[in-house]
Amino acid sequence: MLALLGSLVSLAVGTSFAKSLFPALGAEGTTAYRILFATLMLMTVFRPWRRKWVWADALPLGLYGVTLGVMNLLFYSAIKTIPFGVAIAIEFTGPLAVAVWTSKKASDWLWVALAIAGLGLLLPLPGGNAATALDPMGMFFAFSAGICWALYIVFGQRVALRYGSMATPMGMLAAAIVVAPIGVFHAGTAMLDPQWLVAGLAVALLSSAIPYALEMFSLNHLPKNTFSILLSLEPAVGALAGWLVLAEHLTLSQGLAIALVMAASMGTAWSAGRAQPPSP
């Protein structure tokens, strides 16, 4: 449990730190740093070149990796203009939709209703306070990242069954091939500045390498539904990190929206856990 919480904190701090690089590198350059350095780390650890690969492997790994890269790019684009915790809550609709879609229980629509109610609080209302309204493009990017997250789960399950641990470094390589040119195009020579290179390495460590290692440890020591319920704390941890690191302040309705989406995610994970047969 502590390992998973440590993963959430590391990811939140790393993403908050990444946002501080946006003025110099933009969301695109920062995403490229994260993906590139994470790819190098994973390649060093897993050494996928030891396995024999064929062209038939390119399509499933490519779909998985491209979805991963675009998801990160969209999410970083979202947090440029909307609070970190709110962006995570919106993005969580992706895995929530997958969980409900694959469920056969009518009661799970309760969690859908909670999520819709939470998201409804984030939408601009007629006559509302324009100063506290969320940027429409930021919300669009967050929703799009959620769609990519849903696809990432579907594609990820397929490649994990087929390639095991080798799926992650090869998928990350595909993500780097897509995201790196976009980052270089937007950030240019700033990506070669030594101070930003070191910062980019820190982002990759905190946002990818450390959370991935801790999550793998947690998955081996926690029941799947417990893991999913605890993972639902991510929007709250993100909101706290945004407040402490970036001085982002949420309105009451935004905080309530995050709580409702978290409740929907936890409820879906709890319901899925009850539906599974007991282990022998």
Protein backbone atom coordinates (compact mmCIF):
# COMPACT_ATOMS: atom_id res chain seq x y z
CA MET A 1 0.00 0.00 0.00
CA LEU A 2 2.80 2.41 0.91
CA ALA A 3 4.55 1.59 -2.38
CA LEU A 4 1.44 2.52 -4.38
CA LEU A 5 0.93 5.73 -2.43
CA GLY A 6 4.60 6.52 -3.03
CA SER A 7 4.00 5.97 -6.74
CA LEU A 8 1.08 8.42 -6.74
CA VAL A 9 3.09 11.05 -4.87
CA SER A 10 6.11 10.64 -7.17
CA LEU A 11 3.92 10.93 -10.27
CA ALA A 12 2.11 14.00 -8.91
CA VAL A 13 5.32 15.79 -7.91
CA GLY A 14 7.00 14.87 -11.20
CA THR A 15 4.07 16.16 -13.26
CA SER A 16 3.86 19.35 -11.20
CA PHE A 17 7.58 19.90 -11.75
CA ALA A 18 7.11 19.20 -15.45
CA LYS A 19 4.55 22.00 -15.66
CA SER A 20 7.20 24.43 -14.42
CA LEU A 21 9.21 23.63 -17.59
CA PHE A 22 6.39 24.68 -19.92
CA PRO A 23 7.53 28.33 -20.26
CA ALA A 24 10.89 27.17 -21.65
CA LEU A 25 9.99 23.96 -23.49
CA GLY A 26 6.22 23.97 -23.89
CA ALA A 27 4.04 20.96 -23.18
CA GLU A 28 5.40 19.31 -26.33
CA GLY A 29 9.08 19.58 -25.44
CA THR A 30 8.47 18.50 -21.85
CA THR A 31 6.48 15.46 -23.02
CA ALA A 32 9.31 14.56 -25.41
CA TYR A 33 11.82 14.72 -22.55
CA ARG A 34 9.69 12.46 -20.39
CA ILE A 35 9.10 9.88 -23.11
CA LEU A 36 12.68 9.88 -24.44
CA PHE A 37 14.39 9.52 -21.07
CA ALA A 38 11.86 6.94 -19.89
CA THR A 39 12.50 4.95 -23.09
CA LEU A 40 16.25 4.95 -22.47
CA MET A 41 15.74 3.81 -18.87
CA LEU A 42 13.37 1.00 -19.82
CA MET A 43 15.60 -0.14 -22.67
CA THR A 44 18.56 -0.34 -20.29
CA VAL A 45 16.62 -2.36 -17.72
CA PHE A 46 14.69 -4.77 -19.98
CA ARG A 47 17.10 -5.00 -22.97
CA PRO A 48 14.39 -5.97 -25.49
CA TRP A 49 16.95 -6.45 -28.28
CA ARG A 50 17.63 -9.89 -26.79
CA ARG A 51 14.28 -11.06 -28.14
CA LYS A 52 13.69 -11.87 -31.79
CA TRP A 53 11.17 -9.45 -33.30
CA VAL A 54 9.23 -9.74 -36.55
CA TRP A 55 7.30 -7.21 -38.61
CA ALA A 56 4.00 -8.67 -37.36
CA ASP A 57 4.87 -7.28 -33.91
CA ALA A 58 4.98 -3.71 -35.21
CA LEU A 59 1.21 -3.12 -35.44
CA PRO A 60 0.10 -4.16 -31.91
CA LEU A 61 3.13 -2.56 -30.26
CA GLY A 62 2.76 0.51 -32.46
CA LEU A 63 -0.89 1.01 -31.53
CA TYR A 64 -0.03 0.61 -27.86
CA GLY A 65 2.94 2.97 -28.02
CA VAL A 66 1.36 5.67 -30.16
CA THR A 67 -1.67 5.74 -27.86
CA LEU A 68 0.67 6.07 -24.87
CA GLY A 69 2.60 8.93 -26.45
CA VAL A 70 -0.46 10.87 -27.60
CA MET A 71 -2.09 10.38 -24.19
CA ASN A 72 0.91 11.99 -22.45
CA LEU A 73 1.05 14.81 -24.99
CA LEU A 74 -2.64 15.59 -24.60
CA PHE A 75 -2.51 15.48 -20.81
CA TYR A 76 0.46 17.85 -20.63
CA SER A 77 -1.36 20.14 -23.06
CA ALA A 78 -4.38 20.06 -20.74
CA ILE A 79 -2.52 21.06 -17.58
CA LYS A 80 -1.13 24.11 -19.36
CA THR A 81 -4.47 25.83 -18.80
CA ILE A 82 -6.49 23.86 -16.22
CA PRO A 83 -5.58 22.70 -12.69
CA PHE A 84 -3.66 19.45 -12.36
CA GLY A 85 -6.19 17.66 -10.13
CA VAL A 86 -9.11 18.64 -12.36
CA ALA A 87 -7.28 17.38 -15.47
CA ILE A 88 -6.68 14.00 -13.82
CA ALA A 89 -10.32 13.74 -12.79
CA ILE A 90 -11.47 14.40 -16.35
CA GLU A 91 -8.89 11.95 -17.74
CA PHE A 92 -10.12 9.28 -15.31
CA THR A 93 -13.33 9.04 -17.34
CA GLY A 94 -11.38 6.92 -19.83
CA PRO A 95 -10.58 3.92 -17.60
CA LEU A 96 -13.93 4.38 -15.87
CA ALA A 97 -15.71 4.00 -19.22
CA VAL A 98 -13.72 0.83 -19.99
CA ALA A 99 -14.60 -0.66 -16.60
CA VAL A 100 -18.31 0.06 -16.98
CA TRP A 101 -18.36 -1.08 -20.61
CA THR A 102 -16.92 -4.48 -19.68
CA SER A 103 -19.20 -4.83 -16.65
CA LYS A 104 -22.44 -6.80 -16.75
CA LYS A 105 -23.95 -5.31 -13.60
CA ALA A 106 -26.74 -2.78 -13.93
CA SER A 107 -25.77 -1.25 -10.57
CA ASP A 108 -22.54 0.05 -12.12
CA TRP A 109 -24.57 2.74 -13.84
CA LEU A 110 -24.70 4.39 -10.42
CA TRP A 111 -20.97 5.08 -10.75
CA VAL A 112 -21.55 6.47 -14.24
CA ALA A 113 -24.13 8.85 -12.79
CA LEU A 114 -21.66 10.00 -10.13
CA ALA A 115 -18.98 10.64 -12.76
CA ILE A 116 -21.42 12.55 -14.98
CA ALA A 117 -22.52 14.65 -12.01
CA GLY A 118 -18.90 15.44 -11.22
CA LEU A 119 -18.07 16.39 -14.77
CA GLY A 120 -21.23 18.48 -14.95
CA LEU A 121 -19.85 20.66 -12.15
CA LEU A 122 -16.82 21.43 -14.32
CA LEU A 123 -18.82 22.66 -17.31
CA PRO A 124 -19.32 26.42 -17.68
CA LEU A 125 -22.80 27.47 -16.61
CA PRO A 126 -24.73 30.43 -18.03
CA GLY A 127 -24.18 33.44 -15.82
CA GLY A 128 -21.30 31.71 -14.00
CA ASN A 129 -18.11 33.39 -12.84
CA ALA A 130 -15.90 33.76 -15.93
CA ALA A 131 -12.80 34.16 -13.75
CA THR A 132 -13.12 30.64 -12.36
CA ALA A 133 -14.36 28.95 -15.55
CA LEU A 134 -12.10 26.24 -16.95
CA ASP A 135 -10.42 26.75 -20.31
CA PRO A 136 -12.46 24.86 -22.95
CA MET A 137 -9.36 23.72 -24.86
CA GLY A 138 -7.79 22.45 -21.66
CA MET A 139 -10.91 20.41 -20.93
CA PHE A 140 -10.94 19.13 -24.51
CA PHE A 141 -7.34 17.97 -24.19
CA ALA A 142 -8.10 16.26 -20.87
CA PHE A 143 -11.15 14.44 -22.31
CA SER A 144 -9.09 13.40 -25.33
CA ALA A 145 -6.38 12.10 -23.01
CA GLY A 146 -9.08 10.07 -21.26
CA ILE A 147 -10.10 8.50 -24.58
CA CYS A 148 -6.46 7.63 -25.22
CA TRP A 149 -6.22 6.15 -21.71
CA ALA A 150 -9.18 3.90 -22.49
CA LEU A 151 -7.54 2.75 -25.75
CA TYR A 152 -4.23 2.36 -23.92
CA ILE A 153 -5.89 -0.09 -21.51
CA VAL A 154 -7.39 -2.12 -24.36
CA PHE A 155 -4.20 -2.22 -26.43
CA GLY A 156 -2.04 -2.65 -23.33
CA GLN A 157 -3.89 -5.75 -22.18
CA ARG A 158 -3.35 -7.35 -25.58
CA VAL A 159 0.38 -6.68 -25.81
CA ALA A 160 0.95 -7.57 -22.15
CA LEU A 161 -0.52 -11.03 -22.74
CA ARG A 162 1.51 -11.45 -25.92
CA TYR A 163 4.87 -9.92 -24.99
CA GLY A 164 4.92 -9.73 -21.19
CA SER A 165 7.34 -7.22 -19.67
CA MET A 166 8.89 -6.50 -23.09
CA ALA A 167 5.72 -4.68 -24.15
CA THR A 168 6.53 -1.62 -22.03
CA PRO A 169 9.95 -0.67 -23.45
CA MET A 170 8.91 -1.42 -27.03
CA GLY A 171 5.67 0.54 -26.61
CA MET A 172 7.62 3.43 -25.10
CA LEU A 173 9.98 3.34 -28.08
CA ALA A 174 7.01 3.71 -30.44
CA ALA A 175 5.74 6.60 -28.30
CA ALA A 176 9.15 8.31 -28.51
CA ILE A 177 9.21 7.99 -32.31
CA VAL A 178 5.89 9.87 -32.46
CA VAL A 179 6.36 12.45 -29.71
CA ALA A 180 10.05 13.37 -30.08
CA PRO A 181 9.71 15.11 -33.49
CA ILE A 182 6.74 17.11 -32.19
CA GLY A 183 8.72 18.17 -29.12
CA VAL A 184 11.78 19.16 -31.17
CA PHE A 185 9.61 21.11 -33.62
CA HIS A 186 8.05 23.20 -30.82
CA ALA A 187 10.97 23.53 -28.37
CA GLY A 188 13.84 23.63 -30.87
CA THR A 189 17.37 24.05 -29.59
CA ALA A 190 16.13 24.72 -26.04
CA MET A 191 15.98 20.94 -25.60
CA LEU A 192 19.79 20.83 -25.89
CA ASP A 193 20.31 23.24 -22.99
CA PRO A 194 22.08 21.29 -20.18
CA GLN A 195 19.85 22.72 -17.43
CA TRP A 196 16.70 21.57 -19.23
CA LEU A 197 18.24 18.18 -19.99
CA VAL A 198 18.82 17.60 -16.28
CA ALA A 199 15.30 18.83 -15.51
CA GLY A 200 13.89 16.51 -18.17
CA LEU A 201 15.73 13.57 -16.62
CA ALA A 202 14.21 14.43 -13.25
CA VAL A 203 10.73 14.56 -14.82
CA ALA A 204 11.23 11.11 -16.37
CA LEU A 205 12.47 9.64 -13.09
CA LEU A 206 9.67 11.08 -10.98
CA SER A 207 6.85 10.69 -13.53
CA SER A 208 7.75 7.37 -15.17
CA ALA A 209 10.64 5.30 -13.77
CA ILE A 210 9.89 5.50 -10.03
CA PRO A 211 6.06 5.22 -10.32
CA TYR A 212 6.38 2.28 -12.72
CA ALA A 213 8.71 0.37 -10.38
CA LEU A 214 6.53 1.04 -7.34
CA GLU A 215 3.33 0.10 -9.17
CA MET A 216 4.84 -3.20 -10.33
CA PHE A 217 5.78 -3.95 -6.72
CA SER A 218 2.28 -3.03 -5.53
CA LEU A 219 0.58 -5.21 -8.15
CA ASN A 220 2.49 -8.20 -6.85
CA HIS A 221 1.46 -7.57 -3.23
CA LEU A 222 -2.07 -6.13 -3.38
CA PRO A 223 -5.39 -7.60 -4.60
CA LYS A 224 -6.32 -6.12 -7.97
CA ASN A 225 -9.46 -4.37 -6.72
CA THR A 226 -7.57 -2.88 -3.74
CA PHE A 227 -4.91 -1.60 -6.15
CA SER A 228 -7.62 0.00 -8.36
CA ILE A 229 -9.38 1.63 -5.42
CA LEU A 230 -6.15 3.15 -4.11
CA LEU A 231 -5.24 4.28 -7.62
CA SER A 232 -8.48 6.28 -7.59
CA LEU A 233 -6.82 8.63 -5.10
CA GLU A 234 -4.70 10.04 -7.93
CA PRO A 235 -6.92 13.10 -8.63
CA ALA A 236 -6.78 14.10 -4.96
CA VAL A 237 -3.01 13.62 -4.80
CA GLY A 238 -2.68 15.62 -8.02
CA ALA A 239 -4.82 18.43 -6.63
CA LEU A 240 -2.70 18.51 -3.46
CA ALA A 241 0.54 18.57 -5.48
CA GLY A 242 -0.87 21.33 -7.68
CA TRP A 243 -1.66 23.37 -4.59
CA LEU A 244 1.70 22.82 -2.87
CA VAL A 245 4.02 22.94 -5.88
CA LEU A 246 2.18 25.17 -8.36
CA ALA A 247 -0.02 27.23 -6.03
CA GLU A 248 -3.13 26.09 -7.90
CA HIS A 249 -6.35 26.76 -6.01
CA LEU A 250 -9.59 24.92 -6.70
CA THR A 251 -13.10 26.28 -6.31
CA LEU A 252 -15.61 24.43 -4.16
CA SER A 253 -17.41 23.03 -7.21
CA GLN A 254 -14.12 21.83 -8.73
CA GLY A 255 -13.17 20.09 -5.50
CA LEU A 256 -16.60 18.45 -5.33
CA ALA A 257 -16.28 17.36 -8.96
CA ILE A 258 -12.97 15.65 -8.21
CA ALA A 259 -14.52 13.91 -5.20
CA LEU A 260 -17.45 12.60 -7.28
CA VAL A 261 -15.19 11.24 -10.03
CA MET A 262 -12.99 9.59 -7.38
CA ALA A 263 -16.06 8.04 -5.77
CA ALA A 264 -17.19 6.72 -9.17
CA SER A 265 -13.76 5.22 -9.82
CA MET A 266 -13.57 3.61 -6.38
CA GLY A 267 -17.11 2.28 -6.71
CA THR A 268 -16.34 0.72 -10.07
CA ALA A 269 -13.19 -0.96 -8.71
CA TRP A 270 -15.08 -2.22 -5.63
CA SER A 271 -17.92 -3.55 -7.78
CA ALA A 272 -15.47 -5.33 -10.10
CA GLY A 273 -13.75 -6.88 -7.09
CA ARG A 274 -17.04 -8.26 -5.75
CA ALA A 275 -17.92 -9.71 -9.14
CA GLN A 276 -14.71 -11.76 -9.32
CA PRO A 277 -14.81 -15.33 -7.97
CA PRO A 278 -12.76 -15.91 -4.81
CA SER A 279 -9.22 -17.16 -5.31
CA PRO A 280 -8.74 -20.87 -4.58
